[in-house]
Amino acid sequence: MRLFLIACALFALGATAALAQPDVRPVEPFFAATPRATSVVLRDRPGGRPLATLGARTEFGSPETVGIAATRGAWVGVISTSLPNGVLGWAPRRELKLHAVDWSIEISLSSRVLVLFHNGQAVRHVTVGIGAASSPTPAGRYVVTDHIDPGEQSSVYGCCILALSGHQPHPPSGWSTSRDWRLAIHGGATGAVSAGCIHADAATLRFLMRRTPLGTPVTVTA
């Protein structure tokens, strides 16, 4: 597992705490998808030029899973780690196997709070760590792509890593800008302290690993 490509270096370590009151969001079905074939071409628009190709597995060995963000006739626009933040790739719906996802995650950077929803009902609020001023967490709409056991690197990443489809375009000074630094949710300190990843406490991470399937939507707001 190439964990060194995850943009998650810590400037401090610590625990987080669960706070706040329950909340409710309108239930809007979200669909994730996996390729039906060994490869699926993502295009810049329905029938347009190729942007990337989805394989069967992610770089960490998980089944390749994308989020469905838009539809146009027989085409779907997907959120994929193969593309830059905020860019959708379009593929024929018939080339993907869709399944509904009833979990979602919302993260507020201004309040530094992560809220986990199930069928529109908030089931967990936690205070989290976010990117430092020099390496801010980019707002956007992502999906969970991998559940990773950090193994020997648990002292850095905590018990668990939920890799996200997003990328860190502004890594800390001294980090190579030629690498693809992935965003993730993992262990670490609260406050604005990370290289762009979200830090959560161990109990929350284990809960997320058990409950949130690959393709779970993650919305990060300013």
C-alpha atoms as a PDB file:
ATOM      1  CA  MET A   1       0.000   0.000   0.000  1.00  0.00           C
ATOM      2  CA  ARG A   2       1.494   3.337  -1.021  1.00  0.00           C
ATOM      3  CA  LEU A   3       0.452   5.265   2.068  1.00  0.00           C
ATOM      4  CA  PHE A   4       3.194   7.818   1.503  1.00  0.00           C
ATOM      5  CA  LEU A   5       1.065   9.279  -1.298  1.00  0.00           C
ATOM      6  CA  ILE A   6      -1.687  10.292   1.126  1.00  0.00           C
ATOM      7  CA  ALA A   7      -1.407  13.976   2.051  1.00  0.00           C
ATOM      8  CA  CYS A   8      -1.672  13.344   5.754  1.00  0.00           C
ATOM      9  CA  ALA A   9       1.531  14.343   7.498  1.00  0.00           C
ATOM     10  CA  LEU A  10       0.749  15.629  10.973  1.00  0.00           C
ATOM     11  CA  PHE A  11       2.051  18.714  12.690  1.00  0.00           C
ATOM     12  CA  ALA A  12       0.692  17.406  16.025  1.00  0.00           C
ATOM     13  CA  LEU A  13      -1.031  14.319  17.440  1.00  0.00           C
ATOM     14  CA  GLY A  14      -3.955  14.079  19.827  1.00  0.00           C
ATOM     15  CA  ALA A  15      -7.540  12.940  20.419  1.00  0.00           C
ATOM     16  CA  THR A  16     -10.846  14.391  19.273  1.00  0.00           C
ATOM     17  CA  ALA A  17     -14.164  14.688  21.038  1.00  0.00           C
ATOM     18  CA  ALA A  18     -17.803  14.097  20.059  1.00  0.00           C
ATOM     19  CA  LEU A  19     -20.027  17.146  20.562  1.00  0.00           C
ATOM     20  CA  ALA A  20     -23.054  19.099  19.311  1.00  0.00           C
ATOM     21  CA  GLN A  21     -26.705  18.306  18.868  1.00  0.00           C
ATOM     22  CA  PRO A  22     -28.289  15.934  16.331  1.00  0.00           C
ATOM     23  CA  ASP A  23     -29.305  17.380  12.998  1.00  0.00           C
ATOM     24  CA  VAL A  24     -31.443  16.280  10.081  1.00  0.00           C
ATOM     25  CA  ARG A  25     -30.904  16.609   6.332  1.00  0.00           C
ATOM     26  CA  PRO A  26     -33.382  15.902   3.529  1.00  0.00           C
ATOM     27  CA  VAL A  27     -32.966  12.345   2.282  1.00  0.00           C
ATOM     28  CA  GLU A  28     -31.626  12.496  -1.259  1.00  0.00           C
ATOM     29  CA  PRO A  29     -30.641   9.100  -2.657  1.00  0.00           C
ATOM     30  CA  PHE A  30     -26.979   8.994  -3.642  1.00  0.00           C
ATOM     31  CA  PHE A  31     -25.577   6.325  -5.913  1.00  0.00           C
ATOM     32  CA  ALA A  32     -22.091   4.893  -6.085  1.00  0.00           C
ATOM     33  CA  ALA A  33     -20.903   2.706  -8.939  1.00  0.00           C
ATOM     34  CA  THR A  34     -18.289   0.142  -9.892  1.00  0.00           C
ATOM     35  CA  PRO A  35     -17.122  -0.717 -13.433  1.00  0.00           C
ATOM     36  CA  ARG A  36     -18.871  -3.653 -15.099  1.00  0.00           C
ATOM     37  CA  ALA A  37     -15.832  -4.276 -17.316  1.00  0.00           C
ATOM     38  CA  THR A  38     -12.101  -4.320 -16.596  1.00  0.00           C
ATOM     39  CA  SER A  39     -11.868  -0.714 -17.788  1.00  0.00           C
ATOM     40  CA  VAL A  40     -14.274   2.175 -18.305  1.00  0.00           C
ATOM     41  CA  VAL A  41     -13.309   5.376 -20.125  1.00  0.00           C
ATOM     42  CA  LEU A  42     -14.307   8.649 -18.468  1.00  0.00           C
ATOM     43  CA  ARG A  43     -14.951  11.544 -20.859  1.00  0.00           C
ATOM     44  CA  ASP A  44     -15.177  15.318 -20.479  1.00  0.00           C
ATOM     45  CA  ARG A  45     -18.827  15.234 -21.576  1.00  0.00           C
ATOM     46  CA  PRO A  46     -21.228  12.606 -22.930  1.00  0.00           C
ATOM     47  CA  GLY A  47     -19.503  11.238 -26.017  1.00  0.00           C
ATOM     48  CA  GLY A  48     -16.605  13.687 -25.578  1.00  0.00           C
ATOM     49  CA  ARG A  49     -12.846  13.302 -25.380  1.00  0.00           C
ATOM     50  CA  PRO A  50     -11.317  10.783 -22.952  1.00  0.00           C
ATOM     51  CA  LEU A  51     -10.035  12.080 -19.621  1.00  0.00           C
ATOM     52  CA  ALA A  52      -9.145   8.928 -17.701  1.00  0.00           C
ATOM     53  CA  THR A  53      -9.797   5.198 -17.496  1.00  0.00           C
ATOM     54  CA  LEU A  54     -11.248   3.342 -14.520  1.00  0.00           C
ATOM     55  CA  GLY A  55      -9.774  -0.046 -13.721  1.00  0.00           C
ATOM     56  CA  ALA A  56     -11.101  -2.820 -11.542  1.00  0.00           C
ATOM     57  CA  ARG A  57      -9.056  -1.892  -8.442  1.00  0.00           C
ATOM     58  CA  THR A  58      -7.711   1.227  -6.760  1.00  0.00           C
ATOM     59  CA  GLU A  59      -4.009   1.747  -6.056  1.00  0.00           C
ATOM     60  CA  PHE A  60      -4.689   0.418  -2.538  1.00  0.00           C
ATOM     61  CA  GLY A  61      -6.385  -2.738  -3.813  1.00  0.00           C
ATOM     62  CA  SER A  62     -10.036  -1.861  -3.168  1.00  0.00           C
ATOM     63  CA  PRO A  63     -12.768  -2.323  -5.783  1.00  0.00           C
ATOM     64  CA  GLU A  64     -12.793   0.844  -7.904  1.00  0.00           C
ATOM     65  CA  THR A  65     -15.795   2.879  -6.723  1.00  0.00           C
ATOM     66  CA  VAL A  66     -17.019   6.249  -7.981  1.00  0.00           C
ATOM     67  CA  GLY A  67     -19.871   8.539  -6.981  1.00  0.00           C
ATOM     68  CA  ILE A  68     -22.697   9.494  -9.331  1.00  0.00           C
ATOM     69  CA  ALA A  69     -22.990  13.295  -9.286  1.00  0.00           C
ATOM     70  CA  ALA A  70     -25.051  13.995 -12.428  1.00  0.00           C
ATOM     71  CA  THR A  71     -26.975  12.325 -15.227  1.00  0.00           C
ATOM     72  CA  ARG A  72     -27.610  13.236 -18.867  1.00  0.00           C
ATOM     73  CA  GLY A  73     -29.790  10.771 -20.681  1.00  0.00           C
ATOM     74  CA  ALA A  74     -27.951   7.450 -20.813  1.00  0.00           C
ATOM     75  CA  TRP A  75     -24.753   9.008 -19.400  1.00  0.00           C
ATOM     76  CA  VAL A  76     -23.657   9.606 -15.817  1.00  0.00           C
ATOM     77  CA  GLY A  77     -21.143  12.118 -14.481  1.00  0.00           C
ATOM     78  CA  VAL A  78     -18.959  10.593 -11.800  1.00  0.00           C
ATOM     79  CA  ILE A  79     -16.665  11.724  -8.992  1.00  0.00           C
ATOM     80  CA  SER A  80     -13.412   9.824  -9.371  1.00  0.00           C
ATOM     81  CA  THR A  81      -9.933  10.038  -7.925  1.00  0.00           C
ATOM     82  CA  SER A  82      -8.697   9.692 -11.510  1.00  0.00           C
ATOM     83  CA  LEU A  83      -9.778  13.293 -12.104  1.00  0.00           C
ATOM     84  CA  PRO A  84      -8.928  16.680 -10.541  1.00  0.00           C
ATOM     85  CA  ASN A  85     -11.087  17.995  -7.708  1.00  0.00           C
ATOM     86  CA  GLY A  86     -14.418  19.276  -8.995  1.00  0.00           C
ATOM     87  CA  VAL A  87     -14.124  17.666 -12.445  1.00  0.00           C
ATOM     88  CA  LEU A  88     -16.706  15.061 -13.446  1.00  0.00           C
ATOM     89  CA  GLY A  89     -15.984  12.228 -15.827  1.00  0.00           C
ATOM     90  CA  TRP A  90     -18.810  10.951 -18.039  1.00  0.00           C
ATOM     91  CA  ALA A  91     -19.488   7.316 -18.866  1.00  0.00           C
ATOM     92  CA  PRO A  92     -22.423   5.356 -20.289  1.00  0.00           C
ATOM     93  CA  ARG A  93     -24.638   4.204 -17.442  1.00  0.00           C
ATOM     94  CA  ARG A  94     -24.679   0.655 -18.851  1.00  0.00           C
ATOM     95  CA  GLU A  95     -20.920   0.352 -18.225  1.00  0.00           C
ATOM     96  CA  LEU A  96     -21.332   0.874 -14.477  1.00  0.00           C
ATOM     97  CA  LYS A  97     -23.070  -1.097 -11.764  1.00  0.00           C
ATOM     98  CA  LEU A  98     -24.957   1.376  -9.564  1.00  0.00           C
ATOM     99  CA  HIS A  99     -25.971   0.908  -5.945  1.00  0.00           C
ATOM    100  CA  ALA A 100     -27.646   3.273  -3.492  1.00  0.00           C
ATOM    101  CA  VAL A 101     -25.654   4.615  -0.525  1.00  0.00           C
ATOM    102  CA  ASP A 102     -27.628   5.657   2.555  1.00  0.00           C
ATOM    103  CA  TRP A 103     -24.678   7.084   4.515  1.00  0.00           C
ATOM    104  CA  SER A 104     -23.060  10.486   3.960  1.00  0.00           C
ATOM    105  CA  ILE A 105     -20.455  12.677   5.632  1.00  0.00           C
ATOM    106  CA  GLU A 106     -20.430  16.461   5.884  1.00  0.00           C
ATOM    107  CA  ILE A 107     -17.396  18.377   7.135  1.00  0.00           C
ATOM    108  CA  SER A 108     -17.420  22.082   7.984  1.00  0.00           C
ATOM    109  CA  LEU A 109     -13.964  23.622   7.857  1.00  0.00           C
ATOM    110  CA  SER A 110     -15.059  26.805   9.641  1.00  0.00           C
ATOM    111  CA  SER A 111     -16.510  24.933  12.622  1.00  0.00           C
ATOM    112  CA  ARG A 112     -14.118  21.949  12.335  1.00  0.00           C
ATOM    113  CA  VAL A 113     -16.960  19.496  12.766  1.00  0.00           C
ATOM    114  CA  LEU A 114     -17.702  16.232  10.964  1.00  0.00           C
ATOM    115  CA  VAL A 115     -21.315  15.045  10.861  1.00  0.00           C
ATOM    116  CA  LEU A 116     -22.206  11.506   9.808  1.00  0.00           C
ATOM    117  CA  PHE A 117     -25.708  11.002   8.390  1.00  0.00           C
ATOM    118  CA  HIS A 118     -27.700   7.825   7.844  1.00  0.00           C
ATOM    119  CA  ASN A 119     -30.821   8.197   5.708  1.00  0.00           C
ATOM    120  CA  GLY A 120     -30.759  11.936   6.367  1.00  0.00           C
ATOM    121  CA  GLN A 121     -30.508  11.625  10.162  1.00  0.00           C
ATOM    122  CA  ALA A 122     -27.328  12.745  11.908  1.00  0.00           C
ATOM    123  CA  VAL A 123     -25.933   9.898  13.976  1.00  0.00           C
ATOM    124  CA  ARG A 124     -22.553  11.317  14.990  1.00  0.00           C
ATOM    125  CA  HIS A 125     -20.962  14.757  15.452  1.00  0.00           C
ATOM    126  CA  VAL A 126     -17.225  15.052  16.117  1.00  0.00           C
ATOM    127  CA  THR A 127     -14.689  17.808  16.337  1.00  0.00           C
ATOM    128  CA  VAL A 128     -11.968  17.205  13.758  1.00  0.00           C
ATOM    129  CA  GLY A 129      -8.584  18.452  12.660  1.00  0.00           C
ATOM    130  CA  ILE A 130      -8.225  20.120   9.263  1.00  0.00           C
ATOM    131  CA  GLY A 131      -5.486  21.451   7.022  1.00  0.00           C
ATOM    132  CA  ALA A 132      -3.083  24.073   8.329  1.00  0.00           C
ATOM    133  CA  ALA A 133      -3.112  27.581   6.850  1.00  0.00           C
ATOM    134  CA  SER A 134      -0.194  26.681   4.586  1.00  0.00           C
ATOM    135  CA  SER A 135      -1.825  23.427   3.412  1.00  0.00           C
ATOM    136  CA  PRO A 136      -5.597  23.986   3.671  1.00  0.00           C
ATOM    137  CA  THR A 137      -8.136  21.221   3.199  1.00  0.00           C
ATOM    138  CA  PRO A 138      -9.794  21.892  -0.172  1.00  0.00           C
ATOM    139  CA  ALA A 139     -13.565  22.256  -0.056  1.00  0.00           C
ATOM    140  CA  GLY A 140     -15.446  20.049  -2.469  1.00  0.00           C
ATOM    141  CA  ARG A 141     -17.489  16.940  -3.035  1.00  0.00           C
ATOM    142  CA  TYR A 142     -15.670  13.632  -2.718  1.00  0.00           C
ATOM    143  CA  VAL A 143     -16.355   9.947  -2.063  1.00  0.00           C
ATOM    144  CA  VAL A 144     -14.707   7.327   0.125  1.00  0.00           C
ATOM    145  CA  THR A 145     -12.533   5.154  -2.125  1.00  0.00           C
ATOM    146  CA  ASP A 146     -10.696   2.871   0.304  1.00  0.00           C
ATOM    147  CA  HIS A 147     -10.711   1.577   3.887  1.00  0.00           C
ATOM    148  CA  ILE A 148      -7.062   1.137   4.857  1.00  0.00           C
ATOM    149  CA  ASP A 149      -5.362  -0.467   7.838  1.00  0.00           C
ATOM    150  CA  PRO A 150      -2.189   1.632   8.292  1.00  0.00           C
ATOM    151  CA  GLY A 151      -0.320  -1.291   9.874  1.00  0.00           C
ATOM    152  CA  GLU A 152       3.189  -0.235  10.885  1.00  0.00           C
ATOM    153  CA  GLN A 153       2.340   3.392  10.150  1.00  0.00           C
ATOM    154  CA  SER A 154      -0.425   3.496  12.775  1.00  0.00           C
ATOM    155  CA  SER A 155       1.690   5.805  14.945  1.00  0.00           C
ATOM    156  CA  VAL A 156       1.257   8.453  12.249  1.00  0.00           C
ATOM    157  CA  TYR A 157      -2.195   7.732  10.839  1.00  0.00           C
ATOM    158  CA  GLY A 158      -3.995   6.231  13.839  1.00  0.00           C
ATOM    159  CA  CYS A 159      -6.044   3.058  13.720  1.00  0.00           C
ATOM    160  CA  CYS A 160      -7.650   3.539  10.339  1.00  0.00           C
ATOM    161  CA  ILE A 161      -7.585   5.498   7.106  1.00  0.00           C
ATOM    162  CA  LEU A 162     -10.554   6.338   4.905  1.00  0.00           C
ATOM    163  CA  ALA A 163      -8.998   7.432   1.615  1.00  0.00           C
ATOM    164  CA  LEU A 164     -11.015   9.996  -0.337  1.00  0.00           C
ATOM    165  CA  SER A 165     -11.264  10.702  -4.053  1.00  0.00           C
ATOM    166  CA  GLY A 166      -9.917  14.233  -3.558  1.00  0.00           C
ATOM    167  CA  HIS A 167      -6.397  15.562  -4.014  1.00  0.00           C
ATOM    168  CA  GLN A 168      -4.354  18.153  -2.107  1.00  0.00           C
ATOM    169  CA  PRO A 169      -3.282  20.824  -4.634  1.00  0.00           C
ATOM    170  CA  HIS A 170      -1.356  22.792  -2.005  1.00  0.00           C
ATOM    171  CA  PRO A 171       0.876  20.416  -0.001  1.00  0.00           C
ATOM    172  CA  PRO A 172       3.131  21.795   2.744  1.00  0.00           C
ATOM    173  CA  SER A 173       6.322  23.594   1.787  1.00  0.00           C
ATOM    174  CA  GLY A 174       9.013  21.094   0.912  1.00  0.00           C
ATOM    175  CA  TRP A 175       6.630  18.391  -0.287  1.00  0.00           C
ATOM    176  CA  SER A 176       6.930  17.419  -3.928  1.00  0.00           C
ATOM    177  CA  THR A 177       4.268  19.056  -6.088  1.00  0.00           C
ATOM    178  CA  SER A 178       4.756  16.386  -8.759  1.00  0.00           C
ATOM    179  CA  ARG A 179       3.150  13.689  -6.590  1.00  0.00           C
ATOM    180  CA  ASP A 180      -0.555  13.025  -6.280  1.00  0.00           C
ATOM    181  CA  TRP A 181      -1.216  13.702  -2.600  1.00  0.00           C
ATOM    182  CA  ARG A 182      -4.524  12.085  -1.712  1.00  0.00           C
ATOM    183  CA  LEU A 183      -6.957  13.401   0.887  1.00  0.00           C
ATOM    184  CA  ALA A 184      -8.135  11.097   3.665  1.00  0.00           C
ATOM    185  CA  ILE A 185      -9.816  10.897   7.049  1.00  0.00           C
ATOM    186  CA  HIS A 186      -7.504   9.405   9.678  1.00  0.00           C
ATOM    187  CA  GLY A 187      -6.216   9.841  13.216  1.00  0.00           C
ATOM    188  CA  GLY A 188      -4.550  12.977  14.511  1.00  0.00           C
ATOM    189  CA  ALA A 189      -4.922  16.226  16.403  1.00  0.00           C
ATOM    190  CA  THR A 190      -7.753  18.713  16.278  1.00  0.00           C
ATOM    191  CA  GLY A 191      -7.227  22.259  15.075  1.00  0.00           C
ATOM    192  CA  ALA A 192      -5.806  23.474  11.765  1.00  0.00           C
ATOM    193  CA  VAL A 193      -2.769  21.202  11.887  1.00  0.00           C
ATOM    194  CA  SER A 194      -2.687  18.751   8.984  1.00  0.00           C
ATOM    195  CA  ALA A 195      -1.306  18.649   5.463  1.00  0.00           C
ATOM    196  CA  GLY A 196      -4.904  18.728   4.218  1.00  0.00           C
ATOM    197  CA  CYS A 197      -6.430  15.557   5.622  1.00  0.00           C
ATOM    198  CA  ILE A 198      -9.224  15.366   8.181  1.00  0.00           C
ATOM    199  CA  HIS A 199      -8.320  14.068  11.647  1.00  0.00           C
ATOM    200  CA  ALA A 200     -10.837  12.144  13.749  1.00  0.00           C
ATOM    201  CA  ASP A 201     -10.688  10.163  16.991  1.00  0.00           C
ATOM    202  CA  ALA A 202     -10.190   6.399  16.982  1.00  0.00           C
ATOM    203  CA  ALA A 203     -13.747   5.527  18.021  1.00  0.00           C
ATOM    204  CA  THR A 204     -15.161   7.596  15.166  1.00  0.00           C
ATOM    205  CA  LEU A 205     -12.719   6.130  12.658  1.00  0.00           C
ATOM    206  CA  ARG A 206     -13.637   2.588  13.621  1.00  0.00           C
ATOM    207  CA  PHE A 207     -17.336   3.463  13.396  1.00  0.00           C
ATOM    208  CA  LEU A 208     -16.824   4.971   9.922  1.00  0.00           C
ATOM    209  CA  MET A 209     -14.864   1.934   8.777  1.00  0.00           C
ATOM    210  CA  ARG A 210     -17.693  -0.371   9.863  1.00  0.00           C
ATOM    211  CA  ARG A 211     -20.607   1.687   8.600  1.00  0.00           C
ATOM    212  CA  THR A 212     -19.657   3.709   5.534  1.00  0.00           C
ATOM    213  CA  PRO A 213     -19.379   1.721   2.306  1.00  0.00           C
ATOM    214  CA  LEU A 214     -17.002   2.632  -0.488  1.00  0.00           C
ATOM    215  CA  GLY A 215     -18.604   5.407  -2.501  1.00  0.00           C
ATOM    216  CA  THR A 216     -19.998   7.193   0.574  1.00  0.00           C
ATOM    217  CA  PRO A 217     -20.280  10.895  -0.346  1.00  0.00           C
ATOM    218  CA  VAL A 218     -18.120  13.319   1.630  1.00  0.00           C
ATOM    219  CA  THR A 219     -18.948  17.026   1.327  1.00  0.00           C
ATOM    220  CA  VAL A 220     -16.365  19.502   2.631  1.00  0.00           C
ATOM    221  CA  THR A 221     -17.573  23.086   3.021  1.00  0.00           C
ATOM    222  CA  ALA A 222     -15.680  26.258   3.913  1.00  0.00           C
END
